[in-house]
Amino acid sequence: DVQLQASGGGLVQPGGSLRLSCKTSGFTFDDYSIGWFRQAPGQEREGLLCISGRGGVTLYSASARGRFTISRDSAENTVYLQMNSLKPEDTAVYYCAAELDFCPTVRRAYYWGQGTQVTVSS
């Protein structure tokens, strides 16, 4: 069965860093693009970053530029999101999603994970 397990969320102070993991199984990892998304309370889900099976990176939102970095480890079937200089407005549930070849979007993804909560507060 297809699984995308997001983990690594938690409570951090403004200016702090956090590394999220998306561990996958049930599909050919290197054939799929994996994206990171987030959804804050009362707001629509938004895309952050996507990485292809070849390692190419797509930036969905300018809010992630310079602060967030995506990477993938084929040996572990895992995609990571490194988040630095975190702000209170980064507080959200963070999700990973997979799509064959192309980057997933909010409205088009082969599979969504369950998400992990990130809270940025002093």
C-alpha atoms as a PDB file:
ATOM      1  CA  ASP A   1       0.000   0.000   0.000  1.00  0.00           C
ATOM      2  CA  VAL A   2       1.084   3.559  -0.702  1.00  0.00           C
ATOM      3  CA  GLN A   3       2.284   5.489   2.325  1.00  0.00           C
ATOM      4  CA  LEU A   4       3.736   8.950   2.847  1.00  0.00           C
ATOM      5  CA  GLN A   5       4.600   9.507   6.494  1.00  0.00           C
ATOM      6  CA  ALA A   6       5.399  13.086   7.454  1.00  0.00           C
ATOM      7  CA  SER A   7       7.253  13.573  10.722  1.00  0.00           C
ATOM      8  CA  GLY A   8       9.580  15.961  12.532  1.00  0.00           C
ATOM      9  CA  GLY A   9       7.149  18.701  13.454  1.00  0.00           C
ATOM     10  CA  GLY A  10       6.973  20.314  16.847  1.00  0.00           C
ATOM     11  CA  LEU A  11       7.202  23.565  18.790  1.00  0.00           C
ATOM     12  CA  VAL A  12      10.052  25.937  17.938  1.00  0.00           C
ATOM     13  CA  GLN A  13      10.875  29.545  18.765  1.00  0.00           C
ATOM     14  CA  PRO A  14      10.891  32.308  16.147  1.00  0.00           C
ATOM     15  CA  GLY A  15      14.207  32.247  14.313  1.00  0.00           C
ATOM     16  CA  GLY A  16      14.666  28.564  15.000  1.00  0.00           C
ATOM     17  CA  SER A  17      15.036  25.643  12.606  1.00  0.00           C
ATOM     18  CA  LEU A  18      13.248  22.376  11.993  1.00  0.00           C
ATOM     19  CA  ARG A  19      13.809  19.434   9.657  1.00  0.00           C
ATOM     20  CA  LEU A  20      10.774  17.521   8.423  1.00  0.00           C
ATOM     21  CA  SER A  21      10.867  14.044   6.895  1.00  0.00           C
ATOM     22  CA  CYS A  22       8.539  12.350   4.412  1.00  0.00           C
ATOM     23  CA  LYS A  23       9.166   8.609   4.441  1.00  0.00           C
ATOM     24  CA  THR A  24       7.501   6.836   1.522  1.00  0.00           C
ATOM     25  CA  SER A  25       6.663   3.279   0.518  1.00  0.00           C
ATOM     26  CA  GLY A  26       4.420   1.415  -1.908  1.00  0.00           C
ATOM     27  CA  PHE A  27       5.578   3.072  -5.143  1.00  0.00           C
ATOM     28  CA  THR A  28       8.716   3.542  -7.213  1.00  0.00           C
ATOM     29  CA  PHE A  29      10.295   6.430  -5.350  1.00  0.00           C
ATOM     30  CA  ASP A  30      12.570   7.694  -8.138  1.00  0.00           C
ATOM     31  CA  ASP A  31       9.684   7.913 -10.643  1.00  0.00           C
ATOM     32  CA  TYR A  32       7.706  10.371  -8.528  1.00  0.00           C
ATOM     33  CA  SER A  33       8.017  14.025  -7.666  1.00  0.00           C
ATOM     34  CA  ILE A  34       7.431  14.854  -4.007  1.00  0.00           C
ATOM     35  CA  GLY A  35       6.124  18.203  -2.805  1.00  0.00           C
ATOM     36  CA  TRP A  36       5.820  19.864   0.576  1.00  0.00           C
ATOM     37  CA  PHE A  37       2.641  21.792   1.381  1.00  0.00           C
ATOM     38  CA  ARG A  38       1.200  23.476   4.430  1.00  0.00           C
ATOM     39  CA  GLN A  39      -2.184  24.544   5.722  1.00  0.00           C
ATOM     40  CA  ALA A  40      -2.691  27.058   8.512  1.00  0.00           C
ATOM     41  CA  PRO A  41      -5.959  27.212  10.485  1.00  0.00           C
ATOM     42  CA  GLY A  42      -8.696  28.841   8.430  1.00  0.00           C
ATOM     43  CA  GLN A  43      -6.513  29.097   5.321  1.00  0.00           C
ATOM     44  CA  GLU A  44      -6.179  27.189   2.082  1.00  0.00           C
ATOM     45  CA  ARG A  45      -3.437  24.656   1.546  1.00  0.00           C
ATOM     46  CA  GLU A  46      -0.400  26.104  -0.224  1.00  0.00           C
ATOM     47  CA  GLY A  47       2.591  24.563  -1.946  1.00  0.00           C
ATOM     48  CA  LEU A  48       6.130  25.255  -0.736  1.00  0.00           C
ATOM     49  CA  LEU A  49       8.729  23.194  -2.605  1.00  0.00           C
ATOM     50  CA  CYS A  50       8.821  20.175  -4.904  1.00  0.00           C
ATOM     51  CA  ILE A  51      11.645  17.848  -5.896  1.00  0.00           C
ATOM     52  CA  SER A  52      11.592  15.533  -8.917  1.00  0.00           C
ATOM     53  CA  GLY A  53      12.928  12.014  -9.175  1.00  0.00           C
ATOM     54  CA  ARG A  54      16.036  13.459 -10.838  1.00  0.00           C
ATOM     55  CA  GLY A  55      16.549  15.981  -8.055  1.00  0.00           C
ATOM     56  CA  GLY A  56      15.224  19.065  -9.811  1.00  0.00           C
ATOM     57  CA  VAL A  57      13.664  21.597  -7.446  1.00  0.00           C
ATOM     58  CA  THR A  58      10.549  23.710  -8.026  1.00  0.00           C
ATOM     59  CA  LEU A  59       9.610  26.641  -5.809  1.00  0.00           C
ATOM     60  CA  TYR A  60       5.852  27.001  -5.334  1.00  0.00           C
ATOM     61  CA  SER A  61       5.884  30.034  -3.063  1.00  0.00           C
ATOM     62  CA  ALA A  62       8.222  32.971  -2.577  1.00  0.00           C
ATOM     63  CA  SER A  63       7.668  32.591   1.159  1.00  0.00           C
ATOM     64  CA  ALA A  64       9.949  29.540   1.083  1.00  0.00           C
ATOM     65  CA  ARG A  65      12.761  31.189  -0.880  1.00  0.00           C
ATOM     66  CA  GLY A  66      16.008  31.430   1.030  1.00  0.00           C
ATOM     67  CA  ARG A  67      14.601  29.838   4.189  1.00  0.00           C
ATOM     68  CA  PHE A  68      13.378  26.371   3.155  1.00  0.00           C
ATOM     69  CA  THR A  69      15.365  23.653   1.386  1.00  0.00           C
ATOM     70  CA  ILE A  70      14.086  20.373  -0.048  1.00  0.00           C
ATOM     71  CA  SER A  71      16.184  17.261  -0.639  1.00  0.00           C
ATOM     72  CA  ARG A  72      15.693  13.540  -1.236  1.00  0.00           C
ATOM     73  CA  ASP A  73      17.513  10.362  -0.265  1.00  0.00           C
ATOM     74  CA  SER A  74      16.770   7.508  -2.659  1.00  0.00           C
ATOM     75  CA  ALA A  75      18.426   4.953  -0.380  1.00  0.00           C
ATOM     76  CA  GLU A  76      15.909   5.817   2.333  1.00  0.00           C
ATOM     77  CA  ASN A  77      12.914   6.619   0.063  1.00  0.00           C
ATOM     78  CA  THR A  78      12.646   9.834   2.046  1.00  0.00           C
ATOM     79  CA  VAL A  79      12.256  13.526   1.209  1.00  0.00           C
ATOM     80  CA  TYR A  80      13.291  16.220   3.663  1.00  0.00           C
ATOM     81  CA  LEU A  81      12.311  19.822   4.257  1.00  0.00           C
ATOM     82  CA  GLN A  82      14.858  21.933   6.119  1.00  0.00           C
ATOM     83  CA  MET A  83      13.233  25.069   7.530  1.00  0.00           C
ATOM     84  CA  ASN A  84      15.332  27.922   8.907  1.00  0.00           C
ATOM     85  CA  SER A  85      14.558  31.373  10.298  1.00  0.00           C
ATOM     86  CA  LEU A  86      11.065  30.258  11.231  1.00  0.00           C
ATOM     87  CA  LYS A  87       8.351  32.836  11.828  1.00  0.00           C
ATOM     88  CA  PRO A  88       5.043  32.605  13.716  1.00  0.00           C
ATOM     89  CA  GLU A  89       3.230  32.762  10.365  1.00  0.00           C
ATOM     90  CA  ASP A  90       4.908  29.463   9.438  1.00  0.00           C
ATOM     91  CA  THR A  91       2.674  27.742  11.978  1.00  0.00           C
ATOM     92  CA  ALA A  92       0.667  25.123  10.068  1.00  0.00           C
ATOM     93  CA  VAL A  93       0.192  21.454   9.392  1.00  0.00           C
ATOM     94  CA  TYR A  94       2.843  20.407   6.880  1.00  0.00           C
ATOM     95  CA  TYR A  95       2.009  17.734   4.313  1.00  0.00           C
ATOM     96  CA  CYS A  96       3.950  15.843   1.671  1.00  0.00           C
ATOM     97  CA  ALA A  97       2.393  14.573  -1.541  1.00  0.00           C
ATOM     98  CA  ALA A  98       3.538  12.487  -4.516  1.00  0.00           C
ATOM     99  CA  GLU A  99       2.794  12.642  -8.229  1.00  0.00           C
ATOM    100  CA  LEU A 100       4.188  10.605 -11.135  1.00  0.00           C
ATOM    101  CA  ASP A 101       6.827  12.606 -13.049  1.00  0.00           C
ATOM    102  CA  PHE A 102       5.268  16.029 -12.475  1.00  0.00           C
ATOM    103  CA  CYS A 103       5.189  18.031  -9.288  1.00  0.00           C
ATOM    104  CA  PRO A 104       1.974  17.568  -7.325  1.00  0.00           C
ATOM    105  CA  THR A 105      -0.355  20.497  -6.805  1.00  0.00           C
ATOM    106  CA  VAL A 106      -2.969  21.228  -4.179  1.00  0.00           C
ATOM    107  CA  ARG A 107      -5.609  19.890  -6.586  1.00  0.00           C
ATOM    108  CA  ARG A 108      -3.639  17.102  -8.267  1.00  0.00           C
ATOM    109  CA  ALA A 109      -1.606  14.503  -6.410  1.00  0.00           C
ATOM    110  CA  TYR A 110      -1.353  10.747  -6.568  1.00  0.00           C
ATOM    111  CA  TYR A 111      -1.225  10.473  -2.792  1.00  0.00           C
ATOM    112  CA  TRP A 112      -1.228  12.713   0.288  1.00  0.00           C
ATOM    113  CA  GLY A 113       0.392  11.987   3.600  1.00  0.00           C
ATOM    114  CA  GLN A 114      -1.244  12.734   6.941  1.00  0.00           C
ATOM    115  CA  GLY A 115       0.859  15.766   7.838  1.00  0.00           C
ATOM    116  CA  THR A 116       2.845  16.940  10.843  1.00  0.00           C
ATOM    117  CA  GLN A 117       2.144  19.979  13.034  1.00  0.00           C
ATOM    118  CA  VAL A 118       4.660  22.826  13.160  1.00  0.00           C
ATOM    119  CA  THR A 119       4.137  25.566  15.743  1.00  0.00           C
ATOM    120  CA  VAL A 120       6.392  28.631  15.867  1.00  0.00           C
ATOM    121  CA  SER A 121       5.894  30.584  19.068  1.00  0.00           C
ATOM    122  CA  SER A 122       7.853  32.295  21.812  1.00  0.00           C
END
